[in-house]
Amino acid sequence: MAGFDLWLNLAGYSTDEVPKLLPLNALHYVMNYVEVELCKETKSVVVYNPMSIRFTMNGLMLDPNMDIKELGPINYETEIVELKFKDLSNYSLREIRYSWQFLKILNSNLSEALPLVNMSINDNNFQLQNPKNSVSLTIANYIANFRVLIMGPIKLDLVQRVMGKTAIPRE
């Protein structure tokens, strides 16, 4: 979607522009911002609309060069959020929205595929053929390395599935 939203921010990318995905550390900040601050660690994070992401403080847009002292009194929660996620102000709002949409799609596909993935990280055949310093290139290893990008409800669903299949019924 291209154009401007009601706050005159660029809302998306035009067809001739190449969307830019944020680096991994910034994706982690976006995940925390949406999951913890906006959705309050509820299941609504799975369907949270990227167009709802805003960075405002007392009606002012968050600017990386902004001095907190110039803003005057602000409430405690907003100050904490601004200080905690200040690194996100280095990116445009449309890059953050695009990255959130990417994370939503990634997590949606992951939740469907997780029951089909062999989650054993140690592949004995691979370790016999390769030196000890090498890393196994399995799907489970990639999931373990990028676990910070997996939404809380999907992690919880995975834990419940595993516990449902491995729990011993009470007598």
C-alpha atoms as a PDB file:
ATOM      1  CA  MET A   1       0.000   0.000   0.000  1.00  0.00           C
ATOM      2  CA  ALA A   2       1.416   3.357  -0.977  1.00  0.00           C
ATOM      3  CA  GLY A   3       0.409   6.840   0.073  1.00  0.00           C
ATOM      4  CA  PHE A   4       0.089   8.679   3.369  1.00  0.00           C
ATOM      5  CA  ASP A   5      -1.926   7.882   6.464  1.00  0.00           C
ATOM      6  CA  LEU A   6      -3.936  10.402   8.493  1.00  0.00           C
ATOM      7  CA  TRP A   7      -0.814  11.511  10.381  1.00  0.00           C
ATOM      8  CA  LEU A   8       0.990  12.281   7.075  1.00  0.00           C
ATOM      9  CA  ASN A   9       3.447   9.422   7.484  1.00  0.00           C
ATOM     10  CA  LEU A  10       4.400   7.360   4.473  1.00  0.00           C
ATOM     11  CA  ALA A  11       2.092   4.385   4.854  1.00  0.00           C
ATOM     12  CA  GLY A  12       3.800   1.862   2.612  1.00  0.00           C
ATOM     13  CA  TYR A  13       5.918   1.210  -0.417  1.00  0.00           C
ATOM     14  CA  SER A  14       4.971   1.923  -4.009  1.00  0.00           C
ATOM     15  CA  THR A  15       5.264  -0.819  -6.625  1.00  0.00           C
ATOM     16  CA  ASP A  16       8.603   0.458  -7.940  1.00  0.00           C
ATOM     17  CA  GLU A  17      10.239   0.651  -4.481  1.00  0.00           C
ATOM     18  CA  VAL A  18      12.020  -2.268  -2.849  1.00  0.00           C
ATOM     19  CA  PRO A  19      10.811  -2.731   0.748  1.00  0.00           C
ATOM     20  CA  LYS A  20      13.505  -2.674   3.400  1.00  0.00           C
ATOM     21  CA  LEU A  21      13.515  -5.218   6.204  1.00  0.00           C
ATOM     22  CA  LEU A  22      15.068  -4.115   9.492  1.00  0.00           C
ATOM     23  CA  PRO A  23      18.217  -5.821  10.811  1.00  0.00           C
ATOM     24  CA  LEU A  24      17.846  -8.679  13.286  1.00  0.00           C
ATOM     25  CA  ASN A  25      18.432  -6.615  16.444  1.00  0.00           C
ATOM     26  CA  ALA A  26      15.836  -4.058  15.319  1.00  0.00           C
ATOM     27  CA  LEU A  27      13.365  -6.867  14.511  1.00  0.00           C
ATOM     28  CA  HIS A  28      13.778  -7.984  18.102  1.00  0.00           C
ATOM     29  CA  TYR A  29      12.920  -4.455  19.300  1.00  0.00           C
ATOM     30  CA  VAL A  30       9.863  -4.334  17.019  1.00  0.00           C
ATOM     31  CA  MET A  31       8.728  -7.707  18.356  1.00  0.00           C
ATOM     32  CA  ASN A  32       9.105  -6.539  21.957  1.00  0.00           C
ATOM     33  CA  TYR A  33       7.439  -3.197  21.277  1.00  0.00           C
ATOM     34  CA  VAL A  34       4.345  -4.696  19.677  1.00  0.00           C
ATOM     35  CA  GLU A  35       4.109  -7.786  21.874  1.00  0.00           C
ATOM     36  CA  VAL A  36       4.773  -6.185  25.267  1.00  0.00           C
ATOM     37  CA  GLU A  37       3.916  -2.486  24.988  1.00  0.00           C
ATOM     38  CA  LEU A  38       1.065  -2.458  22.466  1.00  0.00           C
ATOM     39  CA  CYS A  39      -0.586  -5.867  22.915  1.00  0.00           C
ATOM     40  CA  LYS A  40       0.295  -6.331  26.607  1.00  0.00           C
ATOM     41  CA  GLU A  41       1.425  -9.935  25.995  1.00  0.00           C
ATOM     42  CA  THR A  42      -1.991 -11.130  24.807  1.00  0.00           C
ATOM     43  CA  LYS A  43      -2.911 -13.300  21.838  1.00  0.00           C
ATOM     44  CA  SER A  44      -3.926 -10.200  19.915  1.00  0.00           C
ATOM     45  CA  VAL A  45      -0.276  -9.847  18.886  1.00  0.00           C
ATOM     46  CA  VAL A  46      -0.854 -12.533  16.236  1.00  0.00           C
ATOM     47  CA  VAL A  47      -3.357 -10.346  14.367  1.00  0.00           C
ATOM     48  CA  TYR A  48      -2.079  -6.868  15.256  1.00  0.00           C
ATOM     49  CA  ASN A  49      -2.361  -4.575  12.230  1.00  0.00           C
ATOM     50  CA  PRO A  50       0.937  -2.963  11.131  1.00  0.00           C
ATOM     51  CA  MET A  51      -0.921   0.243  10.261  1.00  0.00           C
ATOM     52  CA  SER A  52      -1.743   0.634  13.968  1.00  0.00           C
ATOM     53  CA  ILE A  53       1.926   1.065  14.877  1.00  0.00           C
ATOM     54  CA  ARG A  54       2.650   4.672  15.882  1.00  0.00           C
ATOM     55  CA  PHE A  55       5.488   6.342  17.698  1.00  0.00           C
ATOM     56  CA  THR A  56       4.072   9.396  19.390  1.00  0.00           C
ATOM     57  CA  MET A  57       4.792  11.129  22.634  1.00  0.00           C
ATOM     58  CA  ASN A  58       2.243  13.718  23.755  1.00  0.00           C
ATOM     59  CA  GLY A  59       1.180  14.196  20.145  1.00  0.00           C
ATOM     60  CA  LEU A  60       4.727  14.680  18.833  1.00  0.00           C
ATOM     61  CA  MET A  61       6.329  12.206  16.466  1.00  0.00           C
ATOM     62  CA  LEU A  62       9.320  10.365  17.911  1.00  0.00           C
ATOM     63  CA  ASP A  63      12.493  11.844  16.462  1.00  0.00           C
ATOM     64  CA  PRO A  64      16.004  10.410  17.035  1.00  0.00           C
ATOM     65  CA  ASN A  65      17.358  13.930  17.615  1.00  0.00           C
ATOM     66  CA  MET A  66      14.621  14.838  20.099  1.00  0.00           C
ATOM     67  CA  ASP A  67      15.718  16.037  23.523  1.00  0.00           C
ATOM     68  CA  ILE A  68      13.473  14.739  26.284  1.00  0.00           C
ATOM     69  CA  LYS A  69      13.966  17.911  28.345  1.00  0.00           C
ATOM     70  CA  GLU A  70      12.370  20.047  25.601  1.00  0.00           C
ATOM     71  CA  LEU A  71       9.133  18.050  25.739  1.00  0.00           C
ATOM     72  CA  GLY A  72       8.114  19.180  29.196  1.00  0.00           C
ATOM     73  CA  PRO A  73       6.310  16.876  31.618  1.00  0.00           C
ATOM     74  CA  ILE A  74       5.336  13.516  30.223  1.00  0.00           C
ATOM     75  CA  ASN A  75       3.779  10.536  31.915  1.00  0.00           C
ATOM     76  CA  TYR A  76       5.953   7.812  33.384  1.00  0.00           C
ATOM     77  CA  GLU A  77       4.916   5.003  31.032  1.00  0.00           C
ATOM     78  CA  THR A  78       5.596   7.017  27.867  1.00  0.00           C
ATOM     79  CA  GLU A  79       9.032   8.002  29.136  1.00  0.00           C
ATOM     80  CA  ILE A  80       9.911   4.364  29.798  1.00  0.00           C
ATOM     81  CA  VAL A  81       8.719   3.307  26.317  1.00  0.00           C
ATOM     82  CA  GLU A  82      10.645   6.138  24.649  1.00  0.00           C
ATOM     83  CA  LEU A  83      13.874   5.265  26.437  1.00  0.00           C
ATOM     84  CA  LYS A  84      13.442   1.525  25.963  1.00  0.00           C
ATOM     85  CA  PHE A  85      12.765   1.636  22.217  1.00  0.00           C
ATOM     86  CA  LYS A  86      14.771   4.692  21.178  1.00  0.00           C
ATOM     87  CA  ASP A  87      16.771   2.587  18.676  1.00  0.00           C
ATOM     88  CA  LEU A  88      13.611   2.150  16.601  1.00  0.00           C
ATOM     89  CA  SER A  89      13.529   5.885  15.943  1.00  0.00           C
ATOM     90  CA  ASN A  90      16.470   5.369  13.561  1.00  0.00           C
ATOM     91  CA  TYR A  91      14.123   3.651  11.109  1.00  0.00           C
ATOM     92  CA  SER A  92      11.164   4.980   9.167  1.00  0.00           C
ATOM     93  CA  LEU A  93       7.666   4.068  10.239  1.00  0.00           C
ATOM     94  CA  ARG A  94       6.993   2.237   6.985  1.00  0.00           C
ATOM     95  CA  GLU A  95      10.135   0.101   7.468  1.00  0.00           C
ATOM     96  CA  ILE A  96       8.901  -0.823  10.941  1.00  0.00           C
ATOM     97  CA  ARG A  97       5.410  -1.594   9.639  1.00  0.00           C
ATOM     98  CA  TYR A  98       6.793  -3.690   6.770  1.00  0.00           C
ATOM     99  CA  SER A  99       9.024  -5.594   9.194  1.00  0.00           C
ATOM    100  CA  TRP A 100       6.079  -6.221  11.530  1.00  0.00           C
ATOM    101  CA  GLN A 101       4.048  -7.589   8.614  1.00  0.00           C
ATOM    102  CA  PHE A 102       7.004  -9.837   7.752  1.00  0.00           C
ATOM    103  CA  LEU A 103       7.154 -11.083  11.360  1.00  0.00           C
ATOM    104  CA  LYS A 104       3.412 -11.791  11.342  1.00  0.00           C
ATOM    105  CA  ILE A 105       3.684 -13.868   8.156  1.00  0.00           C
ATOM    106  CA  LEU A 106       6.779 -15.662   9.453  1.00  0.00           C
ATOM    107  CA  ASN A 107       5.028 -16.572  12.698  1.00  0.00           C
ATOM    108  CA  SER A 108       1.827 -17.602  10.932  1.00  0.00           C
ATOM    109  CA  ASN A 109       3.737 -19.991   8.678  1.00  0.00           C
ATOM    110  CA  LEU A 110       5.862 -21.200  11.570  1.00  0.00           C
ATOM    111  CA  SER A 111       2.828 -22.071  13.693  1.00  0.00           C
ATOM    112  CA  GLU A 112       1.492 -24.225  10.845  1.00  0.00           C
ATOM    113  CA  ALA A 113       4.852 -25.903  10.169  1.00  0.00           C
ATOM    114  CA  LEU A 114       6.095 -26.511  13.736  1.00  0.00           C
ATOM    115  CA  PRO A 115       4.237 -29.811  14.226  1.00  0.00           C
ATOM    116  CA  LEU A 116       6.002 -31.148  11.120  1.00  0.00           C
ATOM    117  CA  VAL A 117       9.545 -30.150  12.152  1.00  0.00           C
ATOM    118  CA  ASN A 118      11.958 -32.617  13.723  1.00  0.00           C
ATOM    119  CA  MET A 119      13.035 -30.572  16.727  1.00  0.00           C
ATOM    120  CA  SER A 120      16.176 -32.525  17.560  1.00  0.00           C
ATOM    121  CA  ILE A 121      19.061 -30.109  17.125  1.00  0.00           C
ATOM    122  CA  ASN A 122      21.829 -32.696  17.427  1.00  0.00           C
ATOM    123  CA  ASP A 123      22.185 -34.633  14.199  1.00  0.00           C
ATOM    124  CA  ASN A 124      24.531 -37.555  14.936  1.00  0.00           C
ATOM    125  CA  ASN A 125      25.324 -38.228  11.267  1.00  0.00           C
ATOM    126  CA  PHE A 126      26.267 -34.602  10.725  1.00  0.00           C
ATOM    127  CA  GLN A 127      28.509 -34.474  13.788  1.00  0.00           C
ATOM    128  CA  LEU A 128      30.375 -37.638  12.752  1.00  0.00           C
ATOM    129  CA  GLN A 129      31.188 -36.179   9.342  1.00  0.00           C
ATOM    130  CA  ASN A 130      32.108 -32.646  10.451  1.00  0.00           C
ATOM    131  CA  PRO A 131      34.441 -31.106  13.018  1.00  0.00           C
ATOM    132  CA  LYS A 132      33.137 -30.073  16.442  1.00  0.00           C
ATOM    133  CA  ASN A 133      33.251 -26.327  15.688  1.00  0.00           C
ATOM    134  CA  SER A 134      30.732 -26.552  12.840  1.00  0.00           C
ATOM    135  CA  VAL A 135      27.032 -25.829  13.232  1.00  0.00           C
ATOM    136  CA  SER A 136      24.322 -28.236  12.164  1.00  0.00           C
ATOM    137  CA  LEU A 137      22.149 -26.767   9.386  1.00  0.00           C
ATOM    138  CA  THR A 138      18.820 -28.133  10.548  1.00  0.00           C
ATOM    139  CA  ILE A 139      15.480 -26.359  10.743  1.00  0.00           C
ATOM    140  CA  ALA A 140      15.451 -26.897  14.493  1.00  0.00           C
ATOM    141  CA  ASN A 141      18.808 -25.128  14.799  1.00  0.00           C
ATOM    142  CA  TYR A 142      17.527 -22.146  12.805  1.00  0.00           C
ATOM    143  CA  ILE A 143      14.412 -21.980  14.997  1.00  0.00           C
ATOM    144  CA  ALA A 144      16.594 -22.082  18.108  1.00  0.00           C
ATOM    145  CA  ASN A 145      18.823 -19.278  16.791  1.00  0.00           C
ATOM    146  CA  PHE A 146      15.918 -17.026  15.796  1.00  0.00           C
ATOM    147  CA  ARG A 147      13.626 -17.797  18.747  1.00  0.00           C
ATOM    148  CA  VAL A 148      13.502 -14.102  19.688  1.00  0.00           C
ATOM    149  CA  LEU A 149      11.417 -13.543  16.542  1.00  0.00           C
ATOM    150  CA  ILE A 150       8.762 -16.067  17.536  1.00  0.00           C
ATOM    151  CA  MET A 151       5.659 -14.588  19.157  1.00  0.00           C
ATOM    152  CA  GLY A 152       4.749 -15.581  22.694  1.00  0.00           C
ATOM    153  CA  PRO A 153       1.392 -17.199  21.841  1.00  0.00           C
ATOM    154  CA  ILE A 154       3.075 -19.430  19.257  1.00  0.00           C
ATOM    155  CA  LYS A 155       5.731 -20.486  21.774  1.00  0.00           C
ATOM    156  CA  LEU A 156       2.989 -21.208  24.313  1.00  0.00           C
ATOM    157  CA  ASP A 157       1.008 -23.216  21.748  1.00  0.00           C
ATOM    158  CA  LEU A 158       4.103 -25.277  20.960  1.00  0.00           C
ATOM    159  CA  VAL A 159       4.716 -25.967  24.661  1.00  0.00           C
ATOM    160  CA  GLN A 160       1.087 -27.033  25.130  1.00  0.00           C
ATOM    161  CA  ARG A 161       1.279 -29.376  22.116  1.00  0.00           C
ATOM    162  CA  VAL A 162       4.472 -30.964  23.409  1.00  0.00           C
ATOM    163  CA  MET A 163       3.069 -31.318  26.926  1.00  0.00           C
ATOM    164  CA  GLY A 164      -0.141 -32.794  25.535  1.00  0.00           C
ATOM    165  CA  LYS A 165       1.783 -35.485  23.678  1.00  0.00           C
ATOM    166  CA  THR A 166       4.338 -36.251  26.390  1.00  0.00           C
ATOM    167  CA  ALA A 167       2.371 -35.847  29.634  1.00  0.00           C
ATOM    168  CA  ILE A 168       1.494 -38.924  31.631  1.00  0.00           C
ATOM    169  CA  PRO A 169      -2.180 -39.087  32.588  1.00  0.00           C
ATOM    170  CA  ARG A 170      -2.957 -38.954  36.292  1.00  0.00           C
ATOM    171  CA  GLU A 171      -4.222 -42.096  37.976  1.00  0.00           C
END
